[in-house]
Protein backbone atom coordinates (compact mmCIF):
# COMPACT_ATOMS: atom_id res chain seq x y z
CA UNK A 1 0.00 0.00 0.00
CA UNK A 2 1.32 3.43 -0.92
CA UNK A 3 2.09 5.64 2.06
CA UNK A 4 1.18 9.31 1.99
CA UNK A 5 3.67 11.78 3.48
CA UNK A 6 2.88 15.43 4.08
CA UNK A 7 5.53 18.03 4.85
CA UNK A 8 3.62 20.94 6.31
CA UNK A 9 5.63 24.16 6.50
CA UNK A 10 3.17 26.96 5.68
CA UNK A 11 1.65 28.52 8.78
CA UNK A 12 -1.89 29.21 7.61
CA UNK A 13 -5.29 27.73 8.31
CA UNK A 14 -5.55 27.04 4.56
CA UNK A 15 -2.44 24.83 4.50
CA UNK A 16 -3.47 23.05 7.71
CA UNK A 17 -6.94 22.44 6.26
CA UNK A 18 -5.47 21.07 3.02
CA UNK A 19 -3.26 18.69 5.00
CA UNK A 20 -6.29 17.57 6.99
CA UNK A 21 -8.33 16.92 3.84
CA UNK A 22 -5.52 14.85 2.30
CA UNK A 23 -5.08 12.93 5.56
CA UNK A 24 -8.79 12.10 5.92
CA UNK A 25 -9.07 11.08 2.28
CA UNK A 26 -6.00 8.85 2.46
CA UNK A 27 -6.90 7.29 5.80
CA UNK A 28 -10.45 6.56 4.60
CA UNK A 29 -9.01 4.28 1.92
CA UNK A 30 -6.47 2.71 4.28
CA UNK A 31 -3.30 4.50 3.16
CA UNK A 32 -0.75 4.96 5.93
CA UNK A 33 0.03 8.64 6.54
CA UNK A 34 2.95 10.56 8.03
CA UNK A 35 2.67 14.30 8.58
CA UNK A 36 5.81 16.29 9.44
CA UNK A 37 4.90 19.74 10.78
CA UNK A 38 7.74 22.26 10.80
CA UNK A 39 8.58 25.97 10.97
CA UNK A 40 5.65 28.38 10.41
CA UNK A 41 3.11 25.54 10.34
CA UNK A 42 4.30 24.30 13.72
CA UNK A 43 4.16 27.85 15.12
CA UNK A 44 0.59 28.20 13.80
CA UNK A 45 -0.54 24.92 15.39
CA UNK A 46 1.03 25.83 18.74
CA UNK A 47 -0.50 29.32 18.64
CA UNK A 48 -3.90 27.81 17.81
CA UNK A 49 -3.71 25.57 20.88
CA UNK A 50 -2.88 28.66 22.98
CA UNK A 51 -6.09 30.26 21.69
CA UNK A 52 -4.35 32.72 19.35
CA UNK A 53 -5.48 33.61 15.82
CA UNK A 54 -3.48 32.19 12.95
CA UNK A 55 -3.35 33.59 9.41
CA UNK A 56 -6.20 32.42 7.20
CA UNK A 57 -4.10 31.98 4.07
CA UNK A 58 -6.85 31.75 1.48
CA UNK A 59 -5.93 34.25 -1.22
CA UNK A 60 -9.32 34.59 -2.89
CA UNK A 61 -12.29 36.01 -1.03
CA UNK A 62 -14.77 33.48 -2.43
CA UNK A 63 -12.65 30.58 -1.18
CA UNK A 64 -12.00 32.22 2.19
CA UNK A 65 -15.68 33.04 2.72
CA UNK A 66 -16.83 29.70 1.35
CA UNK A 67 -14.69 27.67 3.76
CA UNK A 68 -15.67 29.91 6.66
CA UNK A 69 -19.38 29.37 5.92
CA UNK A 70 -18.88 25.64 5.35
CA UNK A 71 -17.15 25.24 8.72
CA UNK A 72 -19.82 27.29 10.51
CA UNK A 73 -22.64 25.26 8.95
CA UNK A 74 -20.93 21.91 9.57
CA UNK A 75 -20.47 21.10 5.87
CA UNK A 76 -16.75 20.68 6.47
CA UNK A 77 -14.59 20.21 9.52
CA UNK A 78 -11.90 22.52 10.82
CA UNK A 79 -8.29 21.53 10.14
CA UNK A 80 -7.96 20.29 13.70
CA UNK A 81 -11.10 18.13 13.39
CA UNK A 82 -9.87 16.75 10.05
CA UNK A 83 -6.52 15.68 11.49
CA UNK A 84 -8.20 14.13 14.53
CA UNK A 85 -10.69 12.36 12.25
CA UNK A 86 -7.87 10.92 10.14
CA UNK A 87 -6.32 9.51 13.33
CA UNK A 88 -9.71 8.08 14.34
CA UNK A 89 -10.10 6.40 10.93
CA UNK A 90 -6.72 4.71 10.97
CA UNK A 91 -4.04 3.71 13.44
CA UNK A 92 -1.51 4.34 10.68
CA UNK A 93 -1.59 8.14 10.92
CA UNK A 94 1.50 9.64 12.50
CA UNK A 95 1.86 13.37 13.16
CA UNK A 96 5.37 14.60 13.95
CA UNK A 97 6.65 17.93 15.23
CA UNK A 98 10.01 19.17 13.99
CA UNK A 99 12.41 19.08 16.93
CA UNK A 100 14.66 21.83 15.58
CA UNK A 101 11.72 24.18 15.04
CA UNK A 102 10.54 23.51 18.60
CA UNK A 103 14.02 24.28 19.94
CA UNK A 104 14.40 27.45 17.86
CA UNK A 105 11.00 28.72 19.07
CA UNK A 106 11.83 27.86 22.68
CA UNK A 107 9.13 25.23 23.20
CA UNK A 108 9.50 22.33 25.58
CA UNK A 109 8.92 19.03 23.77
CA UNK A 110 6.67 17.85 26.60
CA UNK A 111 4.29 20.80 26.02
CA UNK A 112 3.05 19.52 22.67
CA UNK A 113 -0.70 19.03 22.20
CA UNK A 114 -1.98 15.43 22.06
CA UNK A 115 -2.39 15.82 18.30
CA UNK A 116 1.33 15.02 17.94
CA UNK A 117 2.64 11.47 18.13
CA UNK A 118 6.31 12.35 18.40
CA UNK A 119 9.08 14.88 17.93
CA UNK A 120 11.28 14.10 14.97
CA UNK A 121 14.01 15.59 12.81
CA UNK A 122 14.11 16.10 9.07
CA UNK A 123 16.69 13.32 8.69
CA UNK A 124 14.41 10.88 10.54
CA UNK A 125 11.41 11.87 8.42
CA UNK A 126 13.27 11.74 5.10
CA UNK A 127 15.14 8.59 6.13
CA UNK A 128 11.79 6.89 6.65
CA UNK A 129 10.61 7.50 3.09
CA UNK A 130 10.13 4.43 0.93
CA UNK A 131 10.42 4.10 -2.86
CA UNK A 132 6.70 4.11 -3.58
CA UNK A 133 5.75 6.85 -1.09
CA UNK A 134 3.87 9.94 -2.21
CA UNK A 135 5.05 13.23 -0.71
CA UNK A 136 2.99 16.42 -0.54
CA UNK A 137 4.61 19.68 0.52
CA UNK A 138 2.27 22.38 1.80
């Protein structure tokens, strides 16, 4: 079975939502998934869990407003709900936080939200790639 890998580096709700949609879609058809969250994306996730606003990231008003209305009406889930749903659908969903980014931002590794399965480095993530893996970079 092809494994889906997502490198998430963009710190916007749009990128997080896209990662969540890919993760739910892949997990619903039994593809294993690894998500490596680094840099601005990791800062956005950590700020979200502190209750802070994160940049929306949708460039076009119709997309931005459409997703906002869809989330409010329950037609789609938030990025956080999507990632949690992917983990509920499959035990083969692993979400990693970049250790270097955590260190640079001054975060304690033990303070990570439950969403994360482990702290990892780029070498560990890349070293775990297999020949038939698919990699998305957001």
